[in-house]
């Protein structure tokens, strides 16, 4: 089983992150403690930590930003990749 982490920088508000998180983790139950979201299942777990970053200001547009660190314990590399891919899919923003 793999131990590992993934890091992201996201232009998203905490409110929007919390709204999307349950679907992004496939409905897995988690506990929220401050800026950490923890899921424990049997002998494995993951933790997502949400850290505020300075806002991105583009003229009159202000985008909230957060650093996201997702740590894994007891998952295979294949399982980690599947979880991360699902997460990214639910937070993907299109534009054009």
C-alpha atoms as a PDB file:
ATOM      1  CA  UNK A   1       0.000   0.000   0.000  1.00  0.00           C
ATOM      2  CA  UNK A   2       1.177   3.499  -0.843  1.00  0.00           C
ATOM      3  CA  UNK A   3       1.765   6.499   1.347  1.00  0.00           C
ATOM      4  CA  UNK A   4       1.657   9.723  -0.518  1.00  0.00           C
ATOM      5  CA  UNK A   5       0.283  13.163  -1.067  1.00  0.00           C
ATOM      6  CA  UNK A   6      -0.890  15.423  -3.830  1.00  0.00           C
ATOM      7  CA  UNK A   7      -0.826  19.226  -3.781  1.00  0.00           C
ATOM      8  CA  UNK A   8      -2.987  21.680  -5.707  1.00  0.00           C
ATOM      9  CA  UNK A   9      -3.529  25.425  -5.871  1.00  0.00           C
ATOM     10  CA  UNK A  10      -7.160  26.219  -6.498  1.00  0.00           C
ATOM     11  CA  UNK A  11      -8.979  29.444  -7.299  1.00  0.00           C
ATOM     12  CA  UNK A  12     -12.031  28.696  -5.194  1.00  0.00           C
ATOM     13  CA  UNK A  13     -13.775  29.989  -2.098  1.00  0.00           C
ATOM     14  CA  UNK A  14     -13.976  27.840   1.005  1.00  0.00           C
ATOM     15  CA  UNK A  15     -17.780  27.838   0.685  1.00  0.00           C
ATOM     16  CA  UNK A  16     -17.646  26.519  -2.883  1.00  0.00           C
ATOM     17  CA  UNK A  17     -14.970  23.957  -1.948  1.00  0.00           C
ATOM     18  CA  UNK A  18     -17.171  22.615   0.852  1.00  0.00           C
ATOM     19  CA  UNK A  19     -20.185  22.485  -1.452  1.00  0.00           C
ATOM     20  CA  UNK A  20     -18.356  20.374  -4.041  1.00  0.00           C
ATOM     21  CA  UNK A  21     -16.228  18.211  -1.733  1.00  0.00           C
ATOM     22  CA  UNK A  22     -18.777  15.472  -0.858  1.00  0.00           C
ATOM     23  CA  UNK A  23     -19.303  14.564  -4.516  1.00  0.00           C
ATOM     24  CA  UNK A  24     -15.615  14.947  -5.319  1.00  0.00           C
ATOM     25  CA  UNK A  25     -14.760  12.240  -2.773  1.00  0.00           C
ATOM     26  CA  UNK A  26     -17.514   9.938  -3.978  1.00  0.00           C
ATOM     27  CA  UNK A  27     -19.721  10.433  -0.946  1.00  0.00           C
ATOM     28  CA  UNK A  28     -17.091   9.021   1.416  1.00  0.00           C
ATOM     29  CA  UNK A  29     -17.812  10.237   4.937  1.00  0.00           C
ATOM     30  CA  UNK A  30     -15.297  12.668   6.417  1.00  0.00           C
ATOM     31  CA  UNK A  31     -14.836  14.715   9.549  1.00  0.00           C
ATOM     32  CA  UNK A  32     -14.094  18.423   9.319  1.00  0.00           C
ATOM     33  CA  UNK A  33     -11.653  19.788  11.877  1.00  0.00           C
ATOM     34  CA  UNK A  34     -10.631  23.366  11.178  1.00  0.00           C
ATOM     35  CA  UNK A  35      -8.987  23.332   7.764  1.00  0.00           C
ATOM     36  CA  UNK A  36      -8.653  19.532   7.625  1.00  0.00           C
ATOM     37  CA  UNK A  37     -11.086  16.977   6.224  1.00  0.00           C
ATOM     38  CA  UNK A  38     -10.350  13.414   7.335  1.00  0.00           C
ATOM     39  CA  UNK A  39     -11.710  10.072   6.136  1.00  0.00           C
ATOM     40  CA  UNK A  40     -10.819   6.849   7.971  1.00  0.00           C
ATOM     41  CA  UNK A  41     -11.886   3.466   6.616  1.00  0.00           C
ATOM     42  CA  UNK A  42     -10.503   0.280   8.122  1.00  0.00           C
ATOM     43  CA  UNK A  43      -6.730   0.424   7.980  1.00  0.00           C
ATOM     44  CA  UNK A  44      -6.499   3.310   5.561  1.00  0.00           C
ATOM     45  CA  UNK A  45      -7.235   7.022   5.542  1.00  0.00           C
ATOM     46  CA  UNK A  46      -6.951  10.258   3.660  1.00  0.00           C
ATOM     47  CA  UNK A  47      -6.757  13.860   4.821  1.00  0.00           C
ATOM     48  CA  UNK A  48      -7.350  17.007   2.802  1.00  0.00           C
ATOM     49  CA  UNK A  49      -5.951  20.233   4.226  1.00  0.00           C
ATOM     50  CA  UNK A  50      -7.240  23.531   2.857  1.00  0.00           C
ATOM     51  CA  UNK A  51      -4.878  26.483   3.315  1.00  0.00           C
ATOM     52  CA  UNK A  52      -5.889  30.047   2.386  1.00  0.00           C
ATOM     53  CA  UNK A  53      -3.582  31.747  -0.115  1.00  0.00           C
ATOM     54  CA  UNK A  54      -3.466  35.417  -1.105  1.00  0.00           C
ATOM     55  CA  UNK A  55      -6.273  36.326  -3.491  1.00  0.00           C
ATOM     56  CA  UNK A  56      -5.537  36.695  -7.184  1.00  0.00           C
ATOM     57  CA  UNK A  57      -6.507  40.174  -8.342  1.00  0.00           C
ATOM     58  CA  UNK A  58      -7.015  40.677 -12.071  1.00  0.00           C
ATOM     59  CA  UNK A  59      -8.150  44.254 -12.474  1.00  0.00           C
ATOM     60  CA  UNK A  60     -11.531  44.435 -10.760  1.00  0.00           C
ATOM     61  CA  UNK A  61     -11.780  40.626 -10.574  1.00  0.00           C
ATOM     62  CA  UNK A  62     -10.756  39.084  -7.244  1.00  0.00           C
ATOM     63  CA  UNK A  63     -10.376  35.306  -7.041  1.00  0.00           C
ATOM     64  CA  UNK A  64     -10.086  33.558  -3.689  1.00  0.00           C
ATOM     65  CA  UNK A  65      -7.343  30.932  -3.672  1.00  0.00           C
ATOM     66  CA  UNK A  66      -6.466  27.947  -1.530  1.00  0.00           C
ATOM     67  CA  UNK A  67      -3.623  25.498  -1.335  1.00  0.00           C
ATOM     68  CA  UNK A  68      -4.902  21.940  -1.039  1.00  0.00           C
ATOM     69  CA  UNK A  69      -2.790  19.082   0.273  1.00  0.00           C
ATOM     70  CA  UNK A  70      -4.277  15.600   0.102  1.00  0.00           C
ATOM     71  CA  UNK A  71      -2.443  12.929   2.064  1.00  0.00           C
ATOM     72  CA  UNK A  72      -3.088   9.182   1.757  1.00  0.00           C
ATOM     73  CA  UNK A  73      -2.280   6.234   3.967  1.00  0.00           C
ATOM     74  CA  UNK A  74      -2.986   2.597   3.133  1.00  0.00           C
ATOM     75  CA  UNK A  75      -4.201   3.112  -0.449  1.00  0.00           C
ATOM     76  CA  UNK A  76      -2.584   1.573  -3.532  1.00  0.00           C
ATOM     77  CA  UNK A  77      -1.146   3.929  -6.127  1.00  0.00           C
ATOM     78  CA  UNK A  78      -3.987   2.933  -8.464  1.00  0.00           C
ATOM     79  CA  UNK A  79      -6.590   3.827  -5.808  1.00  0.00           C
ATOM     80  CA  UNK A  80      -4.872   7.162  -5.129  1.00  0.00           C
ATOM     81  CA  UNK A  81      -4.893   8.026  -8.828  1.00  0.00           C
ATOM     82  CA  UNK A  82      -8.598   7.127  -9.100  1.00  0.00           C
ATOM     83  CA  UNK A  83      -9.455   9.303  -6.074  1.00  0.00           C
ATOM     84  CA  UNK A  84      -7.421  12.239  -7.394  1.00  0.00           C
ATOM     85  CA  UNK A  85      -8.910  11.928 -10.882  1.00  0.00           C
ATOM     86  CA  UNK A  86     -12.439  11.971  -9.439  1.00  0.00           C
ATOM     87  CA  UNK A  87     -11.532  14.986  -7.272  1.00  0.00           C
ATOM     88  CA  UNK A  88     -10.101  16.900 -10.217  1.00  0.00           C
ATOM     89  CA  UNK A  89     -13.114  16.074 -12.401  1.00  0.00           C
ATOM     90  CA  UNK A  90     -15.529  17.559  -9.852  1.00  0.00           C
ATOM     91  CA  UNK A  91     -13.481  20.728  -9.420  1.00  0.00           C
ATOM     92  CA  UNK A  92     -12.606  21.222 -13.086  1.00  0.00           C
ATOM     93  CA  UNK A  93     -13.692  24.586 -14.423  1.00  0.00           C
ATOM     94  CA  UNK A  94     -14.283  25.245 -18.083  1.00  0.00           C
ATOM     95  CA  UNK A  95     -13.896  28.571 -19.733  1.00  0.00           C
ATOM     96  CA  UNK A  96     -13.638  30.138 -23.075  1.00  0.00           C
END
